Amino acid sequence: PPPRATTVLVQGIPLEQRSDKGLRDYFASMFSKDKIAEAFVVKRTGQLTSLQGQLADRQSELDEQIAKEAAGDAQSAPPEPASLAATRVLRDKVALEVEQERRRVLQEAKNGNQRVFSSNGFVTFFAAREAAVALQLTFKPKRGDMAVRLPPEPTDVKYEDLGMDVRHALASESLGYCFTILVFVAVMPVSYIIMSLTSLRTLERLAPSAEAWIRQYKVLVSFFELILPTLLVQLIVSFVPTVFMLILSTFHRMLSRAWAQRTLQHYYYAFQILFVLLATCVDIVLVRTIETVVERPSAVMSMLAEELPTASHFYVNFMFLQCIVHASNLTRYPELMMYLGYCKVYDKDKANLRSEPEDQSYHGIGARSARLSLYVAIGIVLCNVCPIIAACTLVNIACCRFVYGYLVVFAEQRKPDLGGEFWVAQLHHLQSALIIYILLMMGVFQRFRPQFKVGLSPTTGVVPILLYAINCWRNLRQVDWENLPFEEVVLRGHACEEVAEDALTPRYEQPELLAAT
């Protein structure tokens, strides 16, 4: 829908066009003046964003004090008038600083100060036809200059990241990649230490009497040997999306929150494949496993065939534990607890507003999509060596369909989407799971080839993988799923124009530069 259908995001704007007028005039010369609705270059706001954060904190503190005074809570004395007045004075002081900084940025932009303008901007056309044409064009000979792409939704744009200096962004992203690698390398030793400390053998050394008491009850022994490892894996895996999202928000330039979720989806899925699906195959030191695979690629098949079938009970327990997790997610207990807590200070409407949305690092569309891909990947990889896992996967997926089909539609707030990119990423992830399945089956045939009476060389598994990869690549090249066919854009153009005229649609504009209402 407009304005996204009629807008393009322009990156790498050259210095000579790096102003609102310069960008508009350039695209007017490429198309025509009557085709361009508006164009603006993202401004570097400097201290304005941090000042607005301080203003929001002061306003929240003031609202809380006013709500306590209005409620007359007997358990906590209402704030004194002097305290309330002091908070209001601080709020007004920060609000004045925000307004002064906003006017300064706008004035420098009006004077044409190049330090204010970033290299990114938005151009909105009157019709979706021109936007579709612009997305297919190359405007400059140098790659990266005047690069045009589909923009995120207007309410989801992270203008602060768009205004970041390119050199600073490259250095920051390099540091972010280092921290991401550190997470992958450090998780396995940490998991091993935690699981070793909670095992019965460790308990026998530290507390022999407690271990002897546990041995008397088969239920407790089964819990420590079967259920507890699965619970610990679930606990560790549930914290990883928060760490990844912290790295992405701190070090990476994410143009929108939805794009951050897409990046999180790829990171989290790769992490789960390594440390959940292939947990029994990966050495406690990840580097050792990588060295083994690099030195002897054929060892991958033997490792999968030796380790995965023997750990099938772990995956069965893991699947049923996920059903319990889905049921707890259905209750939305974190949001309920926050709502009940805020109700003691604010009215119900404001308490509901402050308790939403849910934690986007774990319950966001990126992490959820990665987990759903993992469930199907486990079912695909282990369906032959452990047939019962197929039934467990079916139950798990049915539970997901019921729980998240209700939550997304009826309980949670609407979130910005990217038009199918999460679904396509899930397809890619499942294709990678099929490659693991092929390697596992070739390893099983190689291990039991005397019984099968089939002669297999260690390199035989490369042939089906190559054929499968080529077939997937050809299928992806045949379908352009990211853009509508041009004839459909033209046919739907008039409908989009009517929607744009009738509906109060949001615009692409920096909210921090808008006057306070």
Protein backbone atom coordinates (compact mmCIF):
# COMPACT_ATOMS: atom_id res chain seq x y z
CA PRO A 1 0.00 0.00 0.00
CA PRO A 2 1.08 3.62 -0.39
CA PRO A 3 3.23 5.41 0.49
CA ARG A 4 5.57 2.40 0.44
CA ALA A 5 4.35 1.36 -3.01
CA THR A 6 5.09 4.84 -4.40
CA THR A 7 8.40 5.51 -2.57
CA VAL A 8 11.99 4.42 -3.11
CA LEU A 9 14.91 4.51 -0.67
CA VAL A 10 17.95 6.14 -2.25
CA GLN A 11 21.39 5.25 -0.82
CA GLY A 12 24.81 6.61 -1.70
CA ILE A 13 23.60 10.08 -2.72
CA PRO A 14 26.56 12.06 -4.20
CA LEU A 15 27.56 15.36 -2.60
CA GLU A 16 26.14 17.49 -5.43
CA GLN A 17 22.63 16.05 -4.87
CA ARG A 18 22.89 15.76 -1.08
CA SER A 19 20.05 18.15 -0.16
CA ASP A 20 16.25 18.02 -0.34
CA LYS A 21 16.16 20.30 -3.38
CA GLY A 22 19.12 18.60 -5.05
CA LEU A 23 17.59 15.12 -4.70
CA ARG A 24 14.20 16.31 -5.94
CA ASP A 25 15.70 18.13 -8.92
CA TYR A 26 17.79 15.09 -9.88
CA PHE A 27 14.80 12.73 -9.97
CA ALA A 28 12.71 15.41 -11.67
CA SER A 29 15.33 15.49 -14.44
CA MET A 30 15.21 11.68 -14.70
CA PHE A 31 11.40 11.51 -14.82
CA SER A 32 9.57 14.86 -14.72
CA LYS A 33 8.52 17.42 -12.11
CA ASP A 34 4.87 16.38 -12.18
CA LYS A 35 5.83 12.77 -11.27
CA ILE A 36 7.63 13.62 -7.99
CA ALA A 37 5.44 14.12 -4.93
CA GLU A 38 8.23 14.81 -2.42
CA ALA A 39 11.88 14.05 -1.76
CA PHE A 40 14.06 14.53 1.27
CA VAL A 41 17.52 13.57 2.46
CA VAL A 42 17.86 12.11 5.95
CA LYS A 43 19.45 14.61 8.32
CA ARG A 44 22.08 13.89 10.93
CA THR A 45 20.36 15.06 14.09
CA GLY A 46 23.37 14.90 16.43
CA GLN A 47 22.29 15.39 20.05
CA LEU A 48 18.61 15.74 19.15
CA THR A 49 17.81 12.03 19.44
CA SER A 50 19.45 11.69 22.87
CA LEU A 51 17.73 14.87 24.08
CA GLN A 52 14.37 13.50 22.96
CA GLY A 53 15.11 10.31 24.89
CA GLN A 54 15.77 12.40 28.00
CA LEU A 55 12.54 14.30 27.39
CA ALA A 56 10.59 11.04 27.14
CA ASP A 57 12.12 9.87 30.45
CA ARG A 58 11.23 13.16 32.18
CA GLN A 59 7.70 13.03 30.78
CA SER A 60 7.28 9.43 31.94
CA GLU A 61 8.51 10.35 35.41
CA LEU A 62 6.10 13.29 35.53
CA ASP A 63 3.16 11.15 34.36
CA GLU A 64 3.96 8.58 37.04
CA GLN A 65 4.00 11.21 39.77
CA ILE A 66 0.73 12.74 38.54
CA ALA A 67 -0.87 9.29 38.40
CA LYS A 68 0.21 8.50 41.96
CA GLU A 69 -1.15 11.80 43.18
CA ALA A 70 -4.46 11.22 41.41
CA ALA A 71 -4.75 7.65 42.67
CA GLY A 72 -3.98 8.58 46.27
CA ASP A 73 -2.30 5.24 46.87
CA ALA A 74 -2.33 4.48 50.57
CA GLN A 75 0.72 2.26 50.40
CA SER A 76 2.98 4.98 48.95
CA ALA A 77 2.63 8.60 49.94
CA PRO A 78 1.74 10.92 47.04
CA PRO A 79 4.58 13.11 45.80
CA GLU A 80 4.93 16.47 47.44
CA PRO A 81 3.89 19.51 45.35
CA ALA A 82 7.49 20.76 45.44
CA SER A 83 8.76 17.46 43.99
CA LEU A 84 6.09 17.55 41.29
CA ALA A 85 6.96 21.12 40.39
CA ALA A 86 10.68 20.30 40.25
CA THR A 87 10.03 17.41 37.86
CA ARG A 88 7.90 19.65 35.66
CA VAL A 89 10.65 22.29 35.59
CA LEU A 90 13.21 19.65 34.52
CA ARG A 91 10.83 18.43 31.83
CA ASP A 92 10.30 21.95 30.49
CA LYS A 93 14.05 22.61 30.50
CA VAL A 94 14.78 19.50 28.44
CA ALA A 95 11.85 20.33 26.12
CA LEU A 96 13.37 23.76 25.49
CA GLU A 97 16.74 22.20 24.66
CA VAL A 98 15.03 19.78 22.26
CA GLU A 99 13.27 22.63 20.46
CA GLN A 100 16.47 24.67 20.20
CA GLU A 101 18.41 21.71 18.79
CA ARG A 102 15.61 20.92 16.33
CA ARG A 103 15.60 24.49 15.03
CA ARG A 104 19.39 24.45 14.73
CA VAL A 105 19.36 21.29 12.59
CA LEU A 106 16.60 22.65 10.35
CA GLN A 107 18.36 25.97 9.95
CA GLU A 108 21.66 24.31 8.97
CA ALA A 109 19.78 22.14 6.48
CA LYS A 110 18.13 25.25 5.04
CA ASN A 111 21.54 26.92 4.72
CA GLY A 112 22.83 23.89 2.80
CA ASN A 113 25.36 22.68 5.38
CA GLN A 114 26.65 19.37 4.00
CA ARG A 115 27.49 18.08 7.49
CA VAL A 116 23.77 17.87 8.30
CA PHE A 117 22.81 15.75 5.28
CA SER A 118 23.47 12.01 5.16
CA SER A 119 23.92 9.94 2.01
CA ASN A 120 20.43 8.39 2.25
CA GLY A 121 17.04 9.76 1.33
CA PHE A 122 13.50 8.99 0.20
CA VAL A 123 11.75 9.93 -3.04
CA THR A 124 7.96 9.60 -3.21
CA PHE A 125 6.20 9.55 -6.58
CA PHE A 126 2.56 10.27 -7.26
CA ALA A 127 2.06 6.81 -8.78
CA ALA A 128 3.43 3.34 -8.09
CA ARG A 129 4.34 2.97 -11.77
CA GLU A 130 7.25 5.43 -11.56
CA ALA A 131 8.48 3.87 -8.30
CA ALA A 132 8.51 0.41 -9.93
CA VAL A 133 10.47 1.78 -12.89
CA ALA A 134 12.98 3.55 -10.60
CA LEU A 135 13.64 0.30 -8.70
CA GLN A 136 14.88 -1.33 -11.91
CA LEU A 137 17.17 1.50 -13.05
CA THR A 138 20.89 2.14 -12.57
CA PHE A 139 21.36 5.88 -12.15
CA LYS A 140 25.17 6.17 -11.74
CA PRO A 141 28.09 4.25 -13.27
CA LYS A 142 29.71 3.67 -9.87
CA ARG A 143 28.13 0.84 -7.93
CA GLY A 144 26.58 2.13 -4.71
CA ASP A 145 25.95 5.69 -5.94
CA MET A 146 22.26 6.56 -6.19
CA ALA A 147 21.37 2.96 -5.39
CA VAL A 148 17.59 2.54 -5.24
CA ARG A 149 15.77 -0.09 -3.21
CA LEU A 150 12.35 -0.77 -1.74
CA PRO A 151 11.93 1.17 1.52
CA PRO A 152 10.66 -0.20 4.82
CA GLU A 153 7.31 0.94 6.19
CA PRO A 154 7.23 4.62 7.18
CA THR A 155 6.60 3.87 10.86
CA ASP A 156 9.45 1.34 11.01
CA VAL A 157 12.34 3.39 9.62
CA LYS A 158 15.35 3.90 11.92
CA TYR A 159 16.39 7.39 10.82
CA GLU A 160 19.22 7.53 13.33
CA ASP A 161 20.92 4.56 11.62
CA LEU A 162 20.26 6.01 8.17
CA GLY A 163 22.03 9.20 9.22
CA MET A 164 25.13 7.35 10.43
CA ASP A 165 28.44 8.12 8.74
CA VAL A 166 29.49 5.35 6.33
CA ARG A 167 33.05 4.99 7.68
CA HIS A 168 31.81 4.84 11.26
CA ALA A 169 29.17 2.30 10.23
CA LEU A 170 31.80 0.01 8.62
CA ALA A 171 34.00 0.08 11.73
CA SER A 172 31.02 -0.51 14.01
CA GLU A 173 29.69 -3.40 11.90
CA SER A 174 33.12 -5.06 11.87
CA LEU A 175 33.12 -4.99 15.65
CA GLY A 176 29.59 -6.38 15.64
CA TYR A 177 30.66 -9.34 13.49
CA CYS A 178 33.48 -10.05 15.95
CA PHE A 179 31.02 -10.17 18.85
CA THR A 180 28.70 -12.42 16.85
CA ILE A 181 31.53 -14.89 16.21
CA LEU A 182 32.39 -14.72 19.91
CA VAL A 183 28.84 -15.78 20.78
CA PHE A 184 29.10 -18.83 18.51
CA VAL A 185 32.51 -19.78 19.94
CA ALA A 186 31.68 -19.19 23.61
CA VAL A 187 28.24 -20.80 23.89
CA MET A 188 29.35 -24.42 23.65
CA PRO A 189 31.94 -24.26 26.48
CA VAL A 190 29.47 -22.36 28.67
CA SER A 191 26.74 -24.91 27.94
CA TYR A 192 29.13 -27.77 28.69
CA ILE A 193 30.11 -26.24 32.03
CA ILE A 194 26.48 -25.65 33.06
CA MET A 195 25.38 -29.15 32.07
CA SER A 196 28.41 -30.70 33.82
CA LEU A 197 27.63 -28.85 37.06
CA THR A 198 24.03 -30.08 37.01
CA SER A 199 24.77 -33.72 36.19
CA LEU A 200 24.44 -36.59 38.67
CA ARG A 201 28.18 -37.32 38.46
CA THR A 202 29.04 -33.81 39.63
CA LEU A 203 26.37 -34.02 42.32
CA GLU A 204 27.91 -37.28 43.51
CA ARG A 205 31.26 -35.53 44.02
CA LEU A 206 29.85 -32.39 45.62
CA ALA A 207 26.98 -33.80 47.68
CA PRO A 208 27.07 -37.63 47.91
CA SER A 209 24.11 -37.80 50.29
CA ALA A 210 21.87 -35.79 47.95
CA GLU A 211 22.95 -37.91 44.99
CA ALA A 212 22.19 -41.12 46.91
CA TRP A 213 18.74 -39.76 47.84
CA ILE A 214 17.99 -38.93 44.18
CA ARG A 215 19.05 -42.44 43.11
CA GLN A 216 16.27 -43.86 45.27
CA TYR A 217 13.59 -42.29 43.04
CA LYS A 218 13.44 -43.26 39.38
CA VAL A 219 11.45 -40.13 38.52
CA LEU A 220 14.23 -37.84 39.76
CA VAL A 221 16.89 -39.92 38.00
CA SER A 222 14.94 -39.68 34.73
CA PHE A 223 14.57 -35.94 35.25
CA PHE A 224 18.29 -35.38 35.77
CA GLU A 225 19.36 -37.65 32.92
CA LEU A 226 16.68 -36.91 30.31
CA ILE A 227 14.64 -33.79 31.04
CA LEU A 228 17.18 -31.49 32.69
CA PRO A 229 19.63 -31.41 29.72
CA THR A 230 16.75 -30.47 27.42
CA LEU A 231 15.61 -27.75 29.84
CA LEU A 232 19.12 -26.31 30.04
CA VAL A 233 19.44 -26.26 26.25
CA GLN A 234 16.07 -24.50 26.02
CA LEU A 235 17.14 -21.95 28.64
CA ILE A 236 20.44 -21.18 26.91
CA VAL A 237 18.86 -20.99 23.46
CA SER A 238 16.13 -18.62 24.73
CA PHE A 239 18.72 -16.03 25.83
CA VAL A 240 20.66 -16.04 22.55
CA PRO A 241 18.16 -13.91 20.53
CA THR A 242 18.44 -11.16 23.13
CA VAL A 243 22.24 -11.19 22.81
CA PHE A 244 22.05 -11.13 19.00
CA MET A 245 19.52 -8.29 19.00
CA LEU A 246 21.71 -6.33 21.42
CA ILE A 247 24.67 -6.74 19.04
CA LEU A 248 22.58 -5.75 16.02
CA SER A 249 21.11 -2.66 17.66
CA THR A 250 24.45 -1.53 19.08
CA PHE A 251 26.94 -2.18 16.28
CA HIS A 252 25.01 -2.67 13.04
CA ARG A 253 23.24 -0.10 10.91
CA MET A 254 19.73 -1.49 10.67
CA LEU A 255 17.54 0.62 8.38
CA SER A 256 14.38 -0.63 10.06
CA ARG A 257 13.29 -2.87 12.92
CA ALA A 258 11.85 -5.41 10.47
CA TRP A 259 15.24 -5.69 8.71
CA ALA A 260 16.85 -6.21 12.10
CA GLN A 261 14.41 -9.08 12.66
CA ARG A 262 15.37 -10.56 9.29
CA THR A 263 19.08 -10.49 10.19
CA LEU A 264 18.27 -11.98 13.59
CA GLN A 265 16.38 -14.78 11.83
CA HIS A 266 19.50 -15.84 9.89
CA TYR A 267 21.83 -15.60 12.91
CA TYR A 268 19.47 -17.43 15.25
CA TYR A 269 18.72 -20.23 12.79
CA ALA A 270 22.43 -20.85 12.17
CA PHE A 271 23.02 -20.89 15.92
CA GLN A 272 20.22 -23.41 16.53
CA ILE A 273 21.42 -25.69 13.74
CA LEU A 274 24.89 -25.78 15.28
CA PHE A 275 24.00 -26.02 18.96
CA VAL A 276 20.63 -27.82 18.92
CA LEU A 277 20.37 -30.01 15.82
CA LEU A 278 24.12 -30.69 15.56
CA ALA A 279 24.88 -30.32 19.27
CA THR A 280 26.13 -33.88 19.62
CA CYS A 281 28.42 -33.50 16.58
CA VAL A 282 30.05 -30.22 17.55
CA ASP A 283 33.11 -30.32 19.79
CA ILE A 284 33.17 -28.29 23.00
CA VAL A 285 35.65 -26.04 21.20
CA LEU A 286 33.95 -25.03 17.95
CA VAL A 287 37.28 -24.24 16.28
CA ARG A 288 38.31 -27.89 16.63
CA THR A 289 35.24 -29.04 14.73
CA ILE A 290 35.90 -26.50 11.98
CA GLU A 291 39.53 -27.66 11.70
CA THR A 292 38.43 -31.30 11.44
CA VAL A 293 35.93 -30.50 8.67
CA VAL A 294 38.48 -28.41 6.75
CA GLU A 295 41.16 -31.11 6.98
CA ARG A 296 38.82 -34.03 6.21
CA PRO A 297 35.51 -32.94 4.61
CA SER A 298 34.45 -36.57 4.37
CA ALA A 299 34.42 -36.69 8.19
CA VAL A 300 31.13 -34.75 8.19
CA MET A 301 29.15 -37.79 7.03
CA SER A 302 30.71 -40.11 9.58
CA MET A 303 30.18 -37.62 12.42
CA LEU A 304 26.51 -37.21 11.55
CA ALA A 305 25.94 -40.96 11.16
CA GLU A 306 27.64 -41.79 14.48
CA GLU A 307 26.18 -39.06 16.70
CA LEU A 308 22.72 -38.02 15.52
CA PRO A 309 20.90 -41.40 15.64
CA THR A 310 22.16 -42.10 19.16
CA ALA A 311 20.76 -38.78 20.46
CA SER A 312 17.24 -39.19 19.04
CA HIS A 313 15.70 -39.30 22.54
CA PHE A 314 17.03 -35.78 23.16
CA TYR A 315 15.18 -34.43 20.13
CA VAL A 316 11.94 -36.20 21.09
CA ASN A 317 12.10 -34.59 24.53
CA PHE A 318 13.00 -31.27 22.94
CA MET A 319 9.95 -31.38 20.66
CA PHE A 320 7.51 -32.08 23.47
CA LEU A 321 9.12 -29.42 25.65
CA GLN A 322 8.44 -26.90 22.87
CA CYS A 323 4.72 -27.63 23.13
CA ILE A 324 4.87 -26.60 26.80
CA VAL A 325 6.74 -23.43 25.79
CA HIS A 326 4.06 -22.63 23.20
CA ALA A 327 1.33 -23.11 25.79
CA SER A 328 3.10 -20.72 28.17
CA ASN A 329 3.48 -18.19 25.34
CA LEU A 330 -0.27 -18.39 24.79
CA THR A 331 -0.87 -17.00 28.28
CA ARG A 332 1.35 -13.94 27.56
CA TYR A 333 2.35 -13.91 31.22
CA PRO A 334 5.18 -11.32 30.87
CA GLU A 335 2.77 -8.78 29.37
CA LEU A 336 0.15 -9.67 31.99
CA MET A 337 2.60 -9.09 34.84
CA MET A 338 3.70 -5.75 33.36
CA TYR A 339 0.08 -4.74 32.87
CA LEU A 340 -0.84 -5.55 36.47
CA GLY A 341 2.22 -3.65 37.68
CA TYR A 342 1.44 -0.56 35.60
CA CYS A 343 -2.21 -0.65 36.70
CA LYS A 344 -1.02 0.29 40.20
CA VAL A 345 0.30 3.57 38.79
CA TYR A 346 -1.63 4.37 35.60
CA ASP A 347 -5.16 3.88 34.32
CA LYS A 348 -5.99 0.75 32.34
CA ASP A 349 -5.54 2.26 28.88
CA LYS A 350 -2.09 3.67 29.64
CA ALA A 351 -1.09 0.47 31.46
CA ASN A 352 -2.09 -1.56 28.40
CA LEU A 353 -0.10 0.78 26.15
CA ARG A 354 3.04 0.51 28.29
CA SER A 355 2.89 -3.29 28.60
CA GLU A 356 2.92 -3.74 24.81
CA PRO A 357 4.51 -4.94 22.62
CA GLU A 358 6.03 -8.23 23.74
CA ASP A 359 9.79 -8.76 23.83
CA GLN A 360 10.82 -8.47 20.17
CA SER A 361 14.13 -10.24 20.60
CA TYR A 362 12.54 -13.58 21.58
CA HIS A 363 8.92 -13.19 20.44
CA GLY A 364 9.61 -11.15 17.30
CA ILE A 365 8.92 -12.47 13.82
CA GLY A 366 12.64 -13.14 13.23
CA ALA A 367 13.22 -15.40 16.25
CA ARG A 368 9.86 -17.13 15.80
CA SER A 369 10.54 -17.85 12.14
CA ALA A 370 13.96 -19.28 13.03
CA ARG A 371 12.48 -21.56 15.69
CA LEU A 372 9.74 -22.82 13.38
CA SER A 373 12.38 -23.58 10.74
CA LEU A 374 14.38 -25.51 13.33
CA TYR A 375 11.39 -27.69 14.27
CA VAL A 376 10.80 -28.66 10.65
CA ALA A 377 14.55 -29.12 10.08
CA ILE A 378 14.75 -31.60 12.97
CA GLY A 379 11.83 -33.54 11.51
CA ILE A 380 13.38 -33.59 8.04
CA VAL A 381 16.89 -34.61 9.13
CA LEU A 382 15.87 -37.34 11.59
CA CYS A 383 12.72 -38.72 9.93
CA ASN A 384 14.51 -41.87 8.69
CA VAL A 385 16.80 -42.65 11.61
CA CYS A 386 14.04 -41.96 14.17
CA PRO A 387 10.57 -42.24 12.55
CA ILE A 388 8.73 -41.15 15.71
CA ILE A 389 10.30 -37.69 15.35
CA ALA A 390 8.01 -37.08 12.35
CA ALA A 391 4.92 -37.46 14.56
CA CYS A 392 6.50 -35.24 17.23
CA THR A 393 7.22 -32.58 14.61
CA LEU A 394 3.65 -32.75 13.31
CA VAL A 395 2.26 -32.26 16.83
CA ASN A 396 4.67 -29.39 17.44
CA ILE A 397 3.78 -27.61 14.17
CA ALA A 398 0.05 -28.06 14.83
CA CYS A 399 0.53 -26.52 18.28
CA CYS A 400 2.41 -23.59 16.68
CA ARG A 401 -0.38 -23.08 14.16
CA PHE A 402 -2.97 -22.88 16.91
CA VAL A 403 -1.00 -20.73 19.36
CA TYR A 404 0.61 -18.20 17.03
CA GLY A 405 -2.37 -18.15 14.69
CA TYR A 406 -4.33 -16.78 17.64
CA LEU A 407 -1.62 -14.53 19.11
CA VAL A 408 -0.64 -12.76 15.88
CA VAL A 409 -4.23 -12.13 14.74
CA PHE A 410 -6.14 -11.47 17.97
CA ALA A 411 -3.75 -10.69 20.84
CA GLU A 412 -0.59 -8.93 19.66
CA GLN A 413 -0.13 -5.55 18.04
CA ARG A 414 0.40 -5.34 14.30
CA LYS A 415 4.08 -5.36 13.35
CA PRO A 416 5.72 -4.08 10.14
CA ASP A 417 6.45 -6.78 7.58
CA LEU A 418 8.79 -7.02 4.60
CA GLY A 419 6.42 -8.61 2.11
CA GLY A 420 7.41 -12.27 2.34
CA GLU A 421 11.15 -12.09 3.07
CA PHE A 422 10.80 -14.06 6.31
CA TRP A 423 8.90 -16.82 4.54
CA VAL A 424 11.45 -17.02 1.70
CA ALA A 425 14.26 -17.13 4.29
CA GLN A 426 12.48 -20.07 5.94
CA LEU A 427 12.44 -21.88 2.59
CA HIS A 428 16.19 -21.33 2.25
CA HIS A 429 16.73 -22.64 5.77
CA LEU A 430 14.73 -25.79 5.07
CA GLN A 431 16.78 -26.35 1.91
CA SER A 432 19.92 -26.25 4.04
CA ALA A 433 18.29 -28.83 6.33
CA LEU A 434 17.81 -31.10 3.32
CA ILE A 435 21.55 -30.87 2.64
CA ILE A 436 22.21 -32.06 6.21
CA TYR A 437 19.71 -34.88 5.61
CA ILE A 438 21.57 -35.95 2.45
CA LEU A 439 24.89 -35.96 4.33
CA LEU A 440 23.39 -37.97 7.19
CA MET A 441 21.90 -40.59 4.86
CA MET A 442 25.15 -40.93 2.93
CA GLY A 443 26.98 -41.34 6.24
CA VAL A 444 24.56 -44.05 7.34
CA PHE A 445 24.99 -45.91 4.03
CA GLN A 446 28.75 -45.58 4.31
CA ARG A 447 28.76 -46.88 7.88
CA PHE A 448 26.53 -49.88 7.15
CA ARG A 449 27.58 -50.56 3.56
CA PRO A 450 28.52 -54.20 4.26
CA GLN A 451 24.88 -54.87 5.18
CA PHE A 452 23.58 -52.85 2.23
CA LYS A 453 26.19 -54.36 -0.11
CA VAL A 454 26.67 -50.96 -1.72
CA GLY A 455 30.08 -49.55 -2.57
CA LEU A 456 30.28 -45.88 -1.56
CA SER A 457 33.29 -43.61 -1.56
CA PRO A 458 33.55 -40.74 0.94
CA THR A 459 33.05 -38.24 -1.86
CA THR A 460 29.83 -39.83 -3.16
CA GLY A 461 27.71 -37.47 -1.05
CA VAL A 462 29.00 -34.46 -2.98
CA VAL A 463 27.11 -35.45 -6.15
CA PRO A 464 23.52 -35.35 -4.79
CA ILE A 465 24.31 -32.17 -2.83
CA LEU A 466 25.58 -30.43 -5.96
CA LEU A 467 22.56 -31.57 -7.97
CA TYR A 468 20.21 -30.40 -5.26
CA ALA A 469 21.97 -27.01 -4.90
CA ILE A 470 21.87 -26.42 -8.67
CA ASN A 471 18.17 -27.29 -8.79
CA CYS A 472 17.38 -24.91 -5.91
CA TRP A 473 19.39 -22.12 -7.54
CA ARG A 474 17.56 -22.57 -10.86
CA ASN A 475 14.14 -22.54 -9.17
CA LEU A 476 14.95 -19.34 -7.26
CA ARG A 477 16.18 -17.65 -10.45
CA GLN A 478 12.94 -18.45 -12.26
CA VAL A 479 10.68 -16.52 -9.86
CA ASP A 480 11.00 -12.81 -9.08
CA TRP A 481 9.12 -12.76 -5.80
CA GLU A 482 10.44 -9.41 -4.52
CA ASN A 483 8.61 -7.21 -7.06
CA LEU A 484 5.19 -7.27 -8.67
CA PRO A 485 5.08 -7.72 -12.45
CA PHE A 486 5.00 -4.32 -14.11
CA GLU A 487 1.66 -4.98 -15.77
CA GLU A 488 0.13 -5.67 -12.36
CA VAL A 489 1.67 -2.45 -10.97
CA VAL A 490 0.05 -0.49 -13.80
CA LEU A 491 -3.34 -2.16 -13.31
CA ARG A 492 -3.30 -1.58 -9.56
CA GLY A 493 -1.88 1.92 -9.80
CA HIS A 494 -5.26 3.68 -9.88
CA ALA A 495 -6.45 1.77 -6.81
CA CYS A 496 -3.29 2.80 -4.93
CA GLU A 497 -3.83 6.44 -5.86
CA GLU A 498 -7.40 6.30 -4.53
CA VAL A 499 -6.20 4.76 -1.26
CA ALA A 500 -3.50 7.42 -0.95
CA GLU A 501 -6.08 10.19 -1.43
CA ASP A 502 -8.76 8.79 0.85
CA ALA A 503 -6.76 7.32 3.75
CA LEU A 504 -4.63 9.14 6.29
CA THR A 505 -1.46 7.27 5.43
CA PRO A 506 1.85 8.02 7.20
CA ARG A 507 4.61 9.83 5.35
CA TYR A 508 8.36 9.33 5.13
CA GLU A 509 9.61 12.09 7.42
CA GLN A 510 11.95 12.23 10.39
CA PRO A 511 9.77 12.38 13.51
CA GLU A 512 12.50 14.05 15.59
CA LEU A 513 12.44 17.07 13.25
CA LEU A 514 8.68 17.57 13.52
CA ALA A 515 7.41 20.36 15.78
CA ALA A 516 6.13 19.20 19.15
CA THR A 517 2.35 19.16 19.43
